[in-house]
Amino acid sequence: MPLDLRRRMLLSEYCLRVSSNAYNLLRSCIFSSRFTKFFDKNPTHVRPLGLRVSSDLSDIGFTQKNNLVTSVSSTPPWHLVTPTVDLSLSTLSKSVTSPEIYHSKFFEICEGLQDY
């Protein structure tokens, strides 16, 4: 891939990643259109990131209204409870075990999970 295309692709991906986080301070800087008129009048000046990427983002149909905003969880990952997974059905060999045994084992598991 040519360097120019790769650079444009990486810039677009970065701007999309920044736009998805509501708490990222760069979001307002990148997607602000305050200086559009100034840089349209002075084409020799280096345009800011948001103005350079805006045409590429509009070509792919990106609008901030359609963007799903994500946020970082306030609970650190090491404080989360580790989920328990019941793999008792996987101990049976599918080629040897009849479907009735699978059904009965499944219903046994369901009886133990009445609270869920």
PDB file of N, CA and C in Angstrom:
ATOM      1  N   MET A   1       0.849  -1.171   0.000  1.00  0.00           N
ATOM      2  CA  MET A   1       0.000   0.000   0.000  1.00  0.00           C
ATOM      3  C   MET A   1       0.902   1.244   0.000  1.00  0.00           C
ATOM      4  N   PRO A   2       0.588   2.211  -0.829  1.00  0.00           N
ATOM      5  CA  PRO A   2       1.393   3.439  -0.838  1.00  0.00           C
ATOM      6  C   PRO A   2       1.337   4.140   0.517  1.00  0.00           C
ATOM      7  N   LEU A   3       2.414   4.802   0.845  1.00  0.00           N
ATOM      8  CA  LEU A   3       2.553   5.443   2.146  1.00  0.00           C
ATOM      9  C   LEU A   3       1.466   6.483   2.388  1.00  0.00           C
ATOM     10  N   ASP A   4       1.110   7.248   1.361  1.00  0.00           N
ATOM     11  CA  ASP A   4       0.090   8.267   1.515  1.00  0.00           C
ATOM     12  C   ASP A   4      -1.267   7.644   1.881  1.00  0.00           C
ATOM     13  N   LEU A   5      -1.630   6.562   1.222  1.00  0.00           N
ATOM     14  CA  LEU A   5      -2.903   5.894   1.523  1.00  0.00           C
ATOM     15  C   LEU A   5      -2.896   5.286   2.920  1.00  0.00           C
ATOM     16  N   ARG A   6      -1.766   4.682   3.272  1.00  0.00           N
ATOM     17  CA  ARG A   6      -1.661   4.088   4.613  1.00  0.00           C
ATOM     18  C   ARG A   6      -1.772   5.164   5.686  1.00  0.00           C
ATOM     19  N   ARG A   7      -1.131   6.295   5.469  1.00  0.00           N
ATOM     20  CA  ARG A   7      -1.182   7.398   6.429  1.00  0.00           C
ATOM     21  C   ARG A   7      -2.609   7.921   6.575  1.00  0.00           C
ATOM     22  N   ARG A   8      -3.315   8.085   5.460  1.00  0.00           N
ATOM     23  CA  ARG A   8      -4.700   8.553   5.507  1.00  0.00           C
ATOM     24  C   ARG A   8      -5.602   7.546   6.213  1.00  0.00           C
ATOM     25  N   MET A   9      -5.366   6.261   5.967  1.00  0.00           N
ATOM     26  CA  MET A   9      -6.159   5.220   6.602  1.00  0.00           C
ATOM     27  C   MET A   9      -5.944   5.236   8.122  1.00  0.00           C
ATOM     28  N   LEU A  10      -4.686   5.330   8.552  1.00  0.00           N
ATOM     29  CA  LEU A  10      -4.384   5.346   9.975  1.00  0.00           C
ATOM     30  C   LEU A  10      -4.950   6.591  10.660  1.00  0.00           C
ATOM     31  N   LEU A  11      -4.885   7.739   9.984  1.00  0.00           N
ATOM     32  CA  LEU A  11      -5.458   8.959  10.544  1.00  0.00           C
ATOM     33  C   LEU A  11      -6.971   8.830  10.694  1.00  0.00           C
ATOM     34  N   SER A  12      -7.623   8.251   9.700  1.00  0.00           N
ATOM     35  CA  SER A  12      -9.074   8.062   9.767  1.00  0.00           C
ATOM     36  C   SER A  12      -9.444   7.117  10.909  1.00  0.00           C
ATOM     37  N   GLU A  13      -8.712   6.021  11.044  1.00  0.00           N
ATOM     38  CA  GLU A  13      -8.979   5.084  12.138  1.00  0.00           C
ATOM     39  C   GLU A  13      -8.786   5.754  13.494  1.00  0.00           C
ATOM     40  N   TYR A  14      -7.740   6.562  13.602  1.00  0.00           N
ATOM     41  CA  TYR A  14      -7.485   7.258  14.869  1.00  0.00           C
ATOM     42  C   TYR A  14      -8.622   8.220  15.193  1.00  0.00           C
ATOM     43  N   CYS A  15      -9.078   8.972  14.211  1.00  0.00           N
ATOM     44  CA  CYS A  15     -10.165   9.929  14.448  1.00  0.00           C
ATOM     45  C   CYS A  15     -11.460   9.209  14.814  1.00  0.00           C
ATOM     46  N   LEU A  16     -11.721   8.066  14.203  1.00  0.00           N
ATOM     47  CA  LEU A  16     -12.909   7.295  14.559  1.00  0.00           C
ATOM     48  C   LEU A  16     -12.814   6.776  15.985  1.00  0.00           C
ATOM     49  N   ARG A  17     -11.629   6.341  16.383  1.00  0.00           N
ATOM     50  CA  ARG A  17     -11.426   5.855  17.748  1.00  0.00           C
ATOM     51  C   ARG A  17     -11.602   6.993  18.756  1.00  0.00           C
ATOM     52  N   VAL A  18     -11.077   8.166  18.440  1.00  0.00           N
ATOM     53  CA  VAL A  18     -11.215   9.317  19.330  1.00  0.00           C
ATOM     54  C   VAL A  18     -12.682   9.734  19.430  1.00  0.00           C
ATOM     55  N   SER A  19     -13.405   9.697  18.329  1.00  0.00           N
ATOM     56  CA  SER A  19     -14.797  10.145  18.339  1.00  0.00           C
ATOM     57  C   SER A  19     -15.702   9.204  19.121  1.00  0.00           C
ATOM     58  N   SER A  20     -15.286   7.962  19.333  1.00  0.00           N
ATOM     59  CA  SER A  20     -16.138   7.009  20.043  1.00  0.00           C
ATOM     60  C   SER A  20     -16.027   7.140  21.556  1.00  0.00           C
ATOM     61  N   ASN A  21     -15.065   7.894  22.053  1.00  0.00           N
ATOM     62  CA  ASN A  21     -14.904   8.066  23.493  1.00  0.00           C
ATOM     63  C   ASN A  21     -15.351   9.478  23.874  1.00  0.00           C
ATOM     64  N   ALA A  22     -16.444   9.556  24.612  1.00  0.00           N
ATOM     65  CA  ALA A  22     -17.012  10.856  24.965  1.00  0.00           C
ATOM     66  C   ALA A  22     -16.102  11.652  25.897  1.00  0.00           C
ATOM     67  N   TYR A  23     -15.214  10.987  26.628  1.00  0.00           N
ATOM     68  CA  TYR A  23     -14.356  11.664  27.589  1.00  0.00           C
ATOM     69  C   TYR A  23     -12.997  12.066  27.014  1.00  0.00           C
ATOM     70  N   ASN A  24     -12.751  11.748  25.771  1.00  0.00           N
ATOM     71  CA  ASN A  24     -11.477  12.103  25.156  1.00  0.00           C
ATOM     72  C   ASN A  24     -11.485  13.594  24.833  1.00  0.00           C
ATOM     73  N   LEU A  25     -10.527  14.321  25.370  1.00  0.00           N
ATOM     74  CA  LEU A  25     -10.475  15.769  25.190  1.00  0.00           C
ATOM     75  C   LEU A  25     -10.151  16.166  23.760  1.00  0.00           C
ATOM     76  N   LEU A  26      -9.509  15.286  23.012  1.00  0.00           N
ATOM     77  CA  LEU A  26      -9.169  15.604  21.628  1.00  0.00           C
ATOM     78  C   LEU A  26     -10.383  15.591  20.706  1.00  0.00           C
ATOM     79  N   ARG A  27     -11.459  15.009  21.168  1.00  0.00           N
ATOM     80  CA  ARG A  27     -12.652  14.875  20.335  1.00  0.00           C
ATOM     81  C   ARG A  27     -13.148  16.235  19.855  1.00  0.00           C
ATOM     82  N   SER A  28     -13.233  17.186  20.762  1.00  0.00           N
ATOM     83  CA  SER A  28     -13.717  18.521  20.366  1.00  0.00           C
ATOM     84  C   SER A  28     -12.703  19.245  19.491  1.00  0.00           C
ATOM     85  N   CYS A  29     -11.420  18.986  19.695  1.00  0.00           N
ATOM     86  CA  CYS A  29     -10.390  19.645  18.880  1.00  0.00           C
ATOM     87  C   CYS A  29     -10.390  19.116  17.445  1.00  0.00           C
ATOM     88  N   ILE A  30     -10.513  17.807  17.300  1.00  0.00           N
ATOM     89  CA  ILE A  30     -10.445  17.207  15.965  1.00  0.00           C
ATOM     90  C   ILE A  30     -11.673  17.549  15.138  1.00  0.00           C
ATOM     91  N   PHE A  31     -12.849  17.484  15.756  1.00  0.00           N
ATOM     92  CA  PHE A  31     -14.075  17.651  14.994  1.00  0.00           C
ATOM     93  C   PHE A  31     -14.642  19.064  15.063  1.00  0.00           C
ATOM     94  N   SER A  32     -13.839  20.024  15.480  1.00  0.00           N
ATOM     95  CA  SER A  32     -14.254  21.420  15.488  1.00  0.00           C
ATOM     96  C   SER A  32     -14.026  22.018  14.103  1.00  0.00           C
ATOM     97  N   SER A  33     -14.956  22.824  13.656  1.00  0.00           N
ATOM     98  CA  SER A  33     -14.818  23.446  12.328  1.00  0.00           C
ATOM     99  C   SER A  33     -14.609  24.953  12.457  1.00  0.00           C
ATOM    100  N   ARG A  34     -13.941  25.365  13.518  1.00  0.00           N
ATOM    101  CA  ARG A  34     -13.749  26.803  13.765  1.00  0.00           C
ATOM    102  C   ARG A  34     -12.857  27.454  12.716  1.00  0.00           C
ATOM    103  N   PHE A  35     -11.834  26.757  12.261  1.00  0.00           N
ATOM    104  CA  PHE A  35     -10.840  27.385  11.393  1.00  0.00           C
ATOM    105  C   PHE A  35     -10.992  26.999   9.931  1.00  0.00           C
ATOM    106  N   THR A  36     -12.135  26.493   9.546  1.00  0.00           N
ATOM    107  CA  THR A  36     -12.333  26.045   8.171  1.00  0.00           C
ATOM    108  C   THR A  36     -12.142  27.189   7.191  1.00  0.00           C
ATOM    109  N   LYS A  37     -12.737  28.337   7.469  1.00  0.00           N
ATOM    110  CA  LYS A  37     -12.640  29.481   6.549  1.00  0.00           C
ATOM    111  C   LYS A  37     -11.200  29.965   6.416  1.00  0.00           C
ATOM    112  N   PHE A  38     -10.475  29.978   7.527  1.00  0.00           N
ATOM    113  CA  PHE A  38      -9.088  30.450   7.490  1.00  0.00           C
ATOM    114  C   PHE A  38      -8.237  29.561   6.580  1.00  0.00           C
ATOM    115  N   PHE A  39      -8.378  28.247   6.720  1.00  0.00           N
ATOM    116  CA  PHE A  39      -7.545  27.359   5.917  1.00  0.00           C
ATOM    117  C   PHE A  39      -8.040  27.239   4.481  1.00  0.00           C
ATOM    118  N   ASP A  40      -9.309  27.552   4.240  1.00  0.00           N
ATOM    119  CA  ASP A  40      -9.783  27.607   2.854  1.00  0.00           C
ATOM    120  C   ASP A  40      -9.195  28.816   2.137  1.00  0.00           C
ATOM    121  N   LYS A  41      -9.015  29.913   2.862  1.00  0.00           N
ATOM    122  CA  LYS A  41      -8.426  31.126   2.278  1.00  0.00           C
ATOM    123  C   LYS A  41      -6.917  30.991   2.104  1.00  0.00           C
ATOM    124  N   ASN A  42      -6.271  30.191   2.948  1.00  0.00           N
ATOM    125  CA  ASN A  42      -4.812  30.034   2.912  1.00  0.00           C
ATOM    126  C   ASN A  42      -4.453  28.572   2.626  1.00  0.00           C
ATOM    127  N   PRO A  43      -4.498  28.149   1.378  1.00  0.00           N
ATOM    128  CA  PRO A  43      -4.251  26.736   1.064  1.00  0.00           C
ATOM    129  C   PRO A  43      -2.802  26.303   1.272  1.00  0.00           C
ATOM    130  N   THR A  44      -1.869  27.237   1.441  1.00  0.00           N
ATOM    131  CA  THR A  44      -0.472  26.852   1.638  1.00  0.00           C
ATOM    132  C   THR A  44      -0.178  26.462   3.077  1.00  0.00           C
ATOM    133  N   HIS A  45      -1.051  26.825   4.005  1.00  0.00           N
ATOM    134  CA  HIS A  45      -0.860  26.457   5.403  1.00  0.00           C
ATOM    135  C   HIS A  45      -1.226  24.992   5.613  1.00  0.00           C
ATOM    136  N   VAL A  46      -0.529  24.366   6.556  1.00  0.00           N
ATOM    137  CA  VAL A  46      -0.819  22.973   6.883  1.00  0.00           C
ATOM    138  C   VAL A  46      -2.133  22.915   7.652  1.00  0.00           C
ATOM    139  N   ARG A  47      -3.064  22.131   7.117  1.00  0.00           N
ATOM    140  CA  ARG A  47      -4.394  22.039   7.713  1.00  0.00           C
ATOM    141  C   ARG A  47      -4.356  21.159   8.963  1.00  0.00           C
ATOM    142  N   PRO A  48      -5.201  21.459   9.946  1.00  0.00           N
ATOM    143  CA  PRO A  48      -5.264  20.618  11.145  1.00  0.00           C
ATOM    144  C   PRO A  48      -5.797  19.229  10.808  1.00  0.00           C
ATOM    145  N   LEU A  49      -5.597  18.303  11.720  1.00  0.00           N
ATOM    146  CA  LEU A  49      -5.961  16.904  11.505  1.00  0.00           C
ATOM    147  C   LEU A  49      -7.432  16.749  11.134  1.00  0.00           C
ATOM    148  N   GLY A  50      -8.311  17.414  11.846  1.00  0.00           N
ATOM    149  CA  GLY A  50      -9.741  17.279  11.591  1.00  0.00           C
ATOM    150  C   GLY A  50     -10.127  17.702  10.190  1.00  0.00           C
ATOM    151  N   LEU A  51      -9.524  18.773   9.695  1.00  0.00           N
ATOM    152  CA  LEU A  51      -9.840  19.242   8.345  1.00  0.00           C
ATOM    153  C   LEU A  51      -9.236  18.327   7.281  1.00  0.00           C
ATOM    154  N   ARG A  52      -8.056  17.755   7.562  1.00  0.00           N
ATOM    155  CA  ARG A  52      -7.445  16.831   6.591  1.00  0.00           C
ATOM    156  C   ARG A  52      -8.243  15.547   6.460  1.00  0.00           C
ATOM    157  N   VAL A  53      -8.828  15.108   7.547  1.00  0.00           N
ATOM    158  CA  VAL A  53      -9.508  13.814   7.566  1.00  0.00           C
ATOM    159  C   VAL A  53     -10.997  13.945   7.229  1.00  0.00           C
ATOM    160  N   SER A  54     -11.537  15.142   7.308  1.00  0.00           N
ATOM    161  CA  SER A  54     -12.976  15.315   7.132  1.00  0.00           C
ATOM    162  C   SER A  54     -13.475  14.810   5.781  1.00  0.00           C
ATOM    163  N   SER A  55     -12.711  15.021   4.724  1.00  0.00           N
ATOM    164  CA  SER A  55     -13.167  14.545   3.411  1.00  0.00           C
ATOM    165  C   SER A  55     -13.159  13.013   3.341  1.00  0.00           C
ATOM    166  N   ASP A  56     -12.137  12.392   3.946  1.00  0.00           N
ATOM    167  CA  ASP A  56     -12.093  10.925   3.952  1.00  0.00           C
ATOM    168  C   ASP A  56     -13.235  10.342   4.783  1.00  0.00           C
ATOM    169  N   LEU A  57     -13.528  10.972   5.918  1.00  0.00           N
ATOM    170  CA  LEU A  57     -14.612  10.481   6.774  1.00  0.00           C
ATOM    171  C   LEU A  57     -15.973  10.686   6.112  1.00  0.00           C
ATOM    172  N   SER A  58     -16.135  11.783   5.405  1.00  0.00           N
ATOM    173  CA  SER A  58     -17.415  11.990   4.709  1.00  0.00           C
ATOM    174  C   SER A  58     -17.563  11.026   3.536  1.00  0.00           C
ATOM    175  N   ASP A  59     -16.449  10.619   2.933  1.00  0.00           N
ATOM    176  CA  ASP A  59     -16.514   9.642   1.832  1.00  0.00           C
ATOM    177  C   ASP A  59     -17.012   8.281   2.305  1.00  0.00           C
ATOM    178  N   ILE A  60     -16.709   7.918   3.554  1.00  0.00           N
ATOM    179  CA  ILE A  60     -17.181   6.630   4.074  1.00  0.00           C
ATOM    180  C   ILE A  60     -18.538   6.756   4.758  1.00  0.00           C
ATOM    181  N   GLY A  61     -19.100   7.973   4.779  1.00  0.00           N
ATOM    182  CA  GLY A  61     -20.431   8.180   5.345  1.00  0.00           C
ATOM    183  C   GLY A  61     -20.446   8.386   6.840  1.00  0.00           C
ATOM    184  N   PHE A  62     -19.345   8.808   7.414  1.00  0.00           N
ATOM    185  CA  PHE A  62     -19.268   9.019   8.869  1.00  0.00           C
ATOM    186  C   PHE A  62     -19.925  10.331   9.251  1.00  0.00           C
ATOM    187  N   THR A  63     -20.787  10.265  10.247  1.00  0.00           N
ATOM    188  CA  THR A  63     -21.312  11.464  10.898  1.00  0.00           C
ATOM    189  C   THR A  63     -21.267  11.210  12.402  1.00  0.00           C
ATOM    190  N   GLN A  64     -21.089  12.258  13.157  1.00  0.00           N
ATOM    191  CA  GLN A  64     -20.992  12.098  14.609  1.00  0.00           C
ATOM    192  C   GLN A  64     -22.310  11.630  15.206  1.00  0.00           C
ATOM    193  N   LYS A  65     -23.425  11.914  14.551  1.00  0.00           N
ATOM    194  CA  LYS A  65     -24.727  11.492  15.063  1.00  0.00           C
ATOM    195  C   LYS A  65     -24.878   9.977  15.015  1.00  0.00           C
ATOM    196  N   ASN A  66     -24.263   9.328  14.023  1.00  0.00           N
ATOM    197  CA  ASN A  66     -24.385   7.884  13.861  1.00  0.00           C
ATOM    198  C   ASN A  66     -23.361   7.118  14.682  1.00  0.00           C
ATOM    199  N   ASN A  67     -22.491   7.829  15.369  1.00  0.00           N
ATOM    200  CA  ASN A  67     -21.401   7.198  16.090  1.00  0.00           C
ATOM    201  C   ASN A  67     -21.879   6.690  17.443  1.00  0.00           C
ATOM    202  N   LEU A  68     -21.549   5.447  17.762  1.00  0.00           N
ATOM    203  CA  LEU A  68     -21.874   4.868  19.063  1.00  0.00           C
ATOM    204  C   LEU A  68     -20.798   5.302  20.052  1.00  0.00           C
ATOM    205  N   VAL A  69     -21.199   6.057  21.045  1.00  0.00           N
ATOM    206  CA  VAL A  69     -20.245   6.588  22.016  1.00  0.00           C
ATOM    207  C   VAL A  69     -20.040   5.550  23.111  1.00  0.00           C
ATOM    208  N   THR A  70     -18.793   5.214  23.354  1.00  0.00           N
ATOM    209  CA  THR A  70     -18.456   4.260  24.400  1.00  0.00           C
ATOM    210  C   THR A  70     -17.768   4.992  25.537  1.00  0.00           C
ATOM    211  N   SER A  71     -17.733   4.361  26.652  1.00  0.00           N
ATOM    212  CA  SER A  71     -17.028   4.948  27.792  1.00  0.00           C
ATOM    213  C   SER A  71     -16.245   3.849  28.496  1.00  0.00           C
ATOM    214  N   VAL A  72     -15.278   4.262  29.250  1.00  0.00           N
ATOM    215  CA  VAL A  72     -14.449   3.333  29.999  1.00  0.00           C
ATOM    216  C   VAL A  72     -15.135   3.054  31.327  1.00  0.00           C
ATOM    217  N   SER A  73     -15.162   1.813  31.724  1.00  0.00           N
ATOM    218  CA  SER A  73     -15.803   1.423  32.972  1.00  0.00           C
ATOM    219  C   SER A  73     -15.068   2.051  34.153  1.00  0.00           C
ATOM    220  N   SER A  74     -15.835   2.464  35.153  1.00  0.00           N
ATOM    221  CA  SER A  74     -15.216   3.055  36.339  1.00  0.00           C
ATOM    222  C   SER A  74     -14.623   1.988  37.257  1.00  0.00           C
ATOM    223  N   THR A  75     -15.039   0.728  37.073  1.00  0.00           N
ATOM    224  CA  THR A  75     -14.507  -0.367  37.878  1.00  0.00           C
ATOM    225  C   THR A  75     -13.270  -0.950  37.194  1.00  0.00           C
ATOM    226  N   PRO A  76     -12.146  -0.994  37.871  1.00  0.00           N
ATOM    227  CA  PRO A  76     -10.953  -1.589  37.259  1.00  0.00           C
ATOM    228  C   PRO A  76     -11.166  -3.081  36.998  1.00  0.00           C
ATOM    229  N   PRO A  77     -10.559  -3.636  35.963  1.00  0.00           N
ATOM    230  CA  PRO A  77     -10.780  -5.033  35.609  1.00  0.00           C
ATOM    231  C   PRO A  77     -10.406  -6.010  36.715  1.00  0.00           C
ATOM    232  N   TRP A  78      -9.442  -5.665  37.556  1.00  0.00           N
ATOM    233  CA  TRP A  78      -9.015  -6.603  38.595  1.00  0.00           C
ATOM    234  C   TRP A  78     -10.010  -6.656  39.756  1.00  0.00           C
ATOM    235  N   HIS A  79     -10.998  -5.746  39.788  1.00  0.00           N
ATOM    236  CA  HIS A  79     -12.034  -5.788  40.805  1.00  0.00           C
ATOM    237  C   HIS A  79     -13.303  -6.499  40.339  1.00  0.00           C
ATOM    238  N   LEU A  80     -13.368  -6.870  39.088  1.00  0.00           N
ATOM    239  CA  LEU A  80     -14.541  -7.555  38.560  1.00  0.00           C
ATOM    240  C   LEU A  80     -14.559  -9.008  39.021  1.00  0.00           C
ATOM    241  N   VAL A  81     -15.747  -9.538  39.176  1.00  0.00           N
ATOM    242  CA  VAL A  81     -15.909 -10.928  39.599  1.00  0.00           C
ATOM    243  C   VAL A  81     -15.696 -11.833  38.385  1.00  0.00           C
ATOM    244  N   THR A  82     -14.879 -12.860  38.556  1.00  0.00           N
ATOM    245  CA  THR A  82     -14.615 -13.797  37.471  1.00  0.00           C
ATOM    246  C   THR A  82     -15.842 -14.676  37.259  1.00  0.00           C
ATOM    247  N   PRO A  83     -16.355 -14.744  36.032  1.00  0.00           N
ATOM    248  CA  PRO A  83     -17.547 -15.553  35.798  1.00  0.00           C
ATOM    249  C   PRO A  83     -17.230 -17.045  35.901  1.00  0.00           C
ATOM    250  N   THR A  84     -18.218 -17.799  36.358  1.00  0.00           N
ATOM    251  CA  THR A  84     -18.059 -19.248  36.415  1.00  0.00           C
ATOM    252  C   THR A  84     -18.760 -19.852  35.206  1.00  0.00           C
ATOM    253  N   VAL A  85     -18.101 -20.765  34.564  1.00  0.00           N
ATOM    254  CA  VAL A  85     -18.619 -21.397  33.353  1.00  0.00           C
ATOM    255  C   VAL A  85     -18.762 -22.888  33.617  1.00  0.00           C
ATOM    256  N   ASP A  86     -19.946 -23.410  33.347  1.00  0.00           N
ATOM    257  CA  ASP A  86     -20.218 -24.833  33.531  1.00  0.00           C
ATOM    258  C   ASP A  86     -19.963 -25.554  32.217  1.00  0.00           C
ATOM    259  N   LEU A  87     -18.915 -26.344  32.189  1.00  0.00           N
ATOM    260  CA  LEU A  87     -18.546 -27.090  30.994  1.00  0.00           C
ATOM    261  C   LEU A  87     -18.842 -28.579  31.129  1.00  0.00           C
ATOM    262  N   SER A  88     -19.801 -28.931  31.976  1.00  0.00           N
ATOM    263  CA  SER A  88     -20.069 -30.346  32.224  1.00  0.00           C
ATOM    264  C   SER A  88     -20.622 -31.059  30.990  1.00  0.00           C
ATOM    265  N   LEU A  89     -21.311 -30.353  30.114  1.00  0.00           N
ATOM    266  CA  LEU A  89     -21.819 -30.990  28.887  1.00  0.00           C
ATOM    267  C   LEU A  89     -20.699 -31.304  27.899  1.00  0.00           C
ATOM    268  N   SER A  90     -19.613 -30.608  27.977  1.00  0.00           N
ATOM    269  CA  SER A  90     -18.521 -30.841  27.026  1.00  0.00           C
ATOM    270  C   SER A  90     -17.690 -32.073  27.385  1.00  0.00           C
ATOM    271  N   THR A  91     -17.911 -32.641  28.559  1.00  0.00           N
ATOM    272  CA  THR A  91     -17.151 -33.842  28.938  1.00  0.00           C
ATOM    273  C   THR A  91     -17.670 -35.086  28.226  1.00  0.00           C
ATOM    274  N   LEU A  92     -18.897 -35.022  27.740  1.00  0.00           N
ATOM    275  CA  LEU A  92     -19.482 -36.163  27.038  1.00  0.00           C
ATOM    276  C   LEU A  92     -19.082 -36.128  25.570  1.00  0.00           C
ATOM    277  N   SER A  93     -18.755 -37.299  25.023  1.00  0.00           N
ATOM    278  CA  SER A  93     -18.387 -37.382  23.617  1.00  0.00           C
ATOM    279  C   SER A  93     -19.655 -37.358  22.765  1.00  0.00           C
ATOM    280  N   LYS A  94     -19.715 -36.474  21.817  1.00  0.00           N
ATOM    281  CA  LYS A  94     -20.915 -36.297  21.009  1.00  0.00           C
ATOM    282  C   LYS A  94     -21.197 -37.500  20.110  1.00  0.00           C
ATOM    283  N   SER A  95     -20.148 -38.159  19.660  1.00  0.00           N
ATOM    284  CA  SER A  95     -20.340 -39.300  18.755  1.00  0.00           C
ATOM    285  C   SER A  95     -20.862 -40.539  19.479  1.00  0.00           C
ATOM    286  N   VAL A  96     -20.654 -40.635  20.785  1.00  0.00           N
ATOM    287  CA  VAL A  96     -21.029 -41.827  21.542  1.00  0.00           C
ATOM    288  C   VAL A  96     -22.303 -41.607  22.364  1.00  0.00           C
ATOM    289  N   THR A  97     -22.536 -40.383  22.812  1.00  0.00           N
ATOM    290  CA  THR A  97     -23.624 -40.079  23.729  1.00  0.00           C
ATOM    291  C   THR A  97     -24.925 -39.838  22.960  1.00  0.00           C
ATOM    292  N   SER A  98     -26.016 -40.398  23.458  1.00  0.00           N
ATOM    293  CA  SER A  98     -27.314 -40.221  22.797  1.00  0.00           C
ATOM    294  C   SER A  98     -27.886 -38.845  23.143  1.00  0.00           C
ATOM    295  N   PRO A  99     -28.753 -38.328  22.289  1.00  0.00           N
ATOM    296  CA  PRO A  99     -29.345 -37.010  22.542  1.00  0.00           C
ATOM    297  C   PRO A  99     -30.176 -36.961  23.827  1.00  0.00           C
ATOM    298  N   GLU A 100     -30.776 -38.087  24.226  1.00  0.00           N
ATOM    299  CA  GLU A 100     -31.581 -38.101  25.444  1.00  0.00           C
ATOM    300  C   GLU A 100     -30.729 -37.805  26.678  1.00  0.00           C
ATOM    301  N   ILE A 101     -29.509 -38.310  26.680  1.00  0.00           N
ATOM    302  CA  ILE A 101     -28.598 -38.047  27.806  1.00  0.00           C
ATOM    303  C   ILE A 101     -28.232 -36.558  27.846  1.00  0.00           C
ATOM    304  N   TYR A 102     -27.995 -36.000  26.672  1.00  0.00           N
ATOM    305  CA  TYR A 102     -27.710 -34.564  26.618  1.00  0.00           C
ATOM    306  C   TYR A 102     -28.894 -33.754  27.146  1.00  0.00           C
ATOM    307  N   HIS A 103     -30.109 -34.125  26.744  1.00  0.00           N
ATOM    308  CA  HIS A 103     -31.300 -33.413  27.218  1.00  0.00           C
ATOM    309  C   HIS A 103     -31.433 -33.520  28.737  1.00  0.00           C
ATOM    310  N   SER A 104     -31.259 -34.722  29.286  1.00  0.00           N
ATOM    311  CA  SER A 104     -31.405 -34.884  30.734  1.00  0.00           C
ATOM    312  C   SER A 104     -30.323 -34.105  31.492  1.00  0.00           C
ATOM    313  N   LYS A 105     -29.072 -34.122  30.993  1.00  0.00           N
ATOM    314  CA  LYS A 105     -27.984 -33.350  31.635  1.00  0.00           C
ATOM    315  C   LYS A 105     -28.283 -31.847  31.565  1.00  0.00           C
ATOM    316  N   PHE A 106     -28.801 -31.423  30.410  1.00  0.00           N
ATOM    317  CA  PHE A 106     -29.127 -30.005  30.230  1.00  0.00           C
ATOM    318  C   PHE A 106     -30.202 -29.575  31.224  1.00  0.00           C
ATOM    319  N   PHE A 107     -31.241 -30.382  31.386  1.00  0.00           N
ATOM    320  CA  PHE A 107     -32.307 -30.032  32.321  1.00  0.00           C
ATOM    321  C   PHE A 107     -31.827 -30.077  33.773  1.00  0.00           C
ATOM    322  N   GLU A 108     -30.865 -30.955  34.083  1.00  0.00           N
ATOM    323  CA  GLU A 108     -30.265 -30.958  35.422  1.00  0.00           C
ATOM    324  C   GLU A 108     -29.541 -29.641  35.697  1.00  0.00           C
ATOM    325  N   ILE A 109     -28.828 -29.174  34.687  1.00  0.00           N
ATOM    326  CA  ILE A 109     -28.114 -27.893  34.831  1.00  0.00           C
ATOM    327  C   ILE A 109     -29.121 -26.753  34.993  1.00  0.00           C
ATOM    328  N   CYS A 110     -30.199 -26.795  34.211  1.00  0.00           N
ATOM    329  CA  CYS A 110     -31.227 -25.734  34.292  1.00  0.00           C
ATOM    330  C   CYS A 110     -31.897 -25.700  35.660  1.00  0.00           C
ATOM    331  N   GLU A 111     -32.100 -26.876  36.283  1.00  0.00           N
ATOM    332  CA  GLU A 111     -32.703 -26.908  37.624  1.00  0.00           C
ATOM    333  C   GLU A 111     -31.819 -26.228  38.653  1.00  0.00           C
ATOM    334  N   GLY A 112     -30.519 -26.321  38.482  1.00  0.00           N
ATOM    335  CA  GLY A 112     -29.591 -25.671  39.402  1.00  0.00           C
ATOM    336  C   GLY A 112     -29.491 -24.174  39.187  1.00  0.00           C
ATOM    337  N   LEU A 113     -30.055 -23.679  38.095  1.00  0.00           N
ATOM    338  CA  LEU A 113     -29.959 -22.259  37.762  1.00  0.00           C
ATOM    339  C   LEU A 113     -31.333 -21.587  37.803  1.00  0.00           C
ATOM    340  N   GLN A 114     -32.185 -21.959  38.736  1.00  0.00           N
ATOM    341  CA  GLN A 114     -33.529 -21.400  38.821  1.00  0.00           C
ATOM    342  C   GLN A 114     -33.523 -19.910  39.133  1.00  0.00           C
ATOM    343  N   ASP A 115     -32.483 -19.424  39.801  1.00  0.00           N
ATOM    344  CA  ASP A 115     -32.435 -18.002  40.178  1.00  0.00           C
ATOM    345  C   ASP A 115     -32.023 -17.072  39.038  1.00  0.00           C
ATOM    346  N   TYR A 116     -31.605 -17.610  37.914  1.00  0.00           N
ATOM    347  CA  TYR A 116     -31.074 -16.776  36.834  1.00  0.00           C
ATOM    348  C   TYR A 116     -32.091 -16.551  35.741  1.00  0.00           C
TER     349      TYR A 116
END
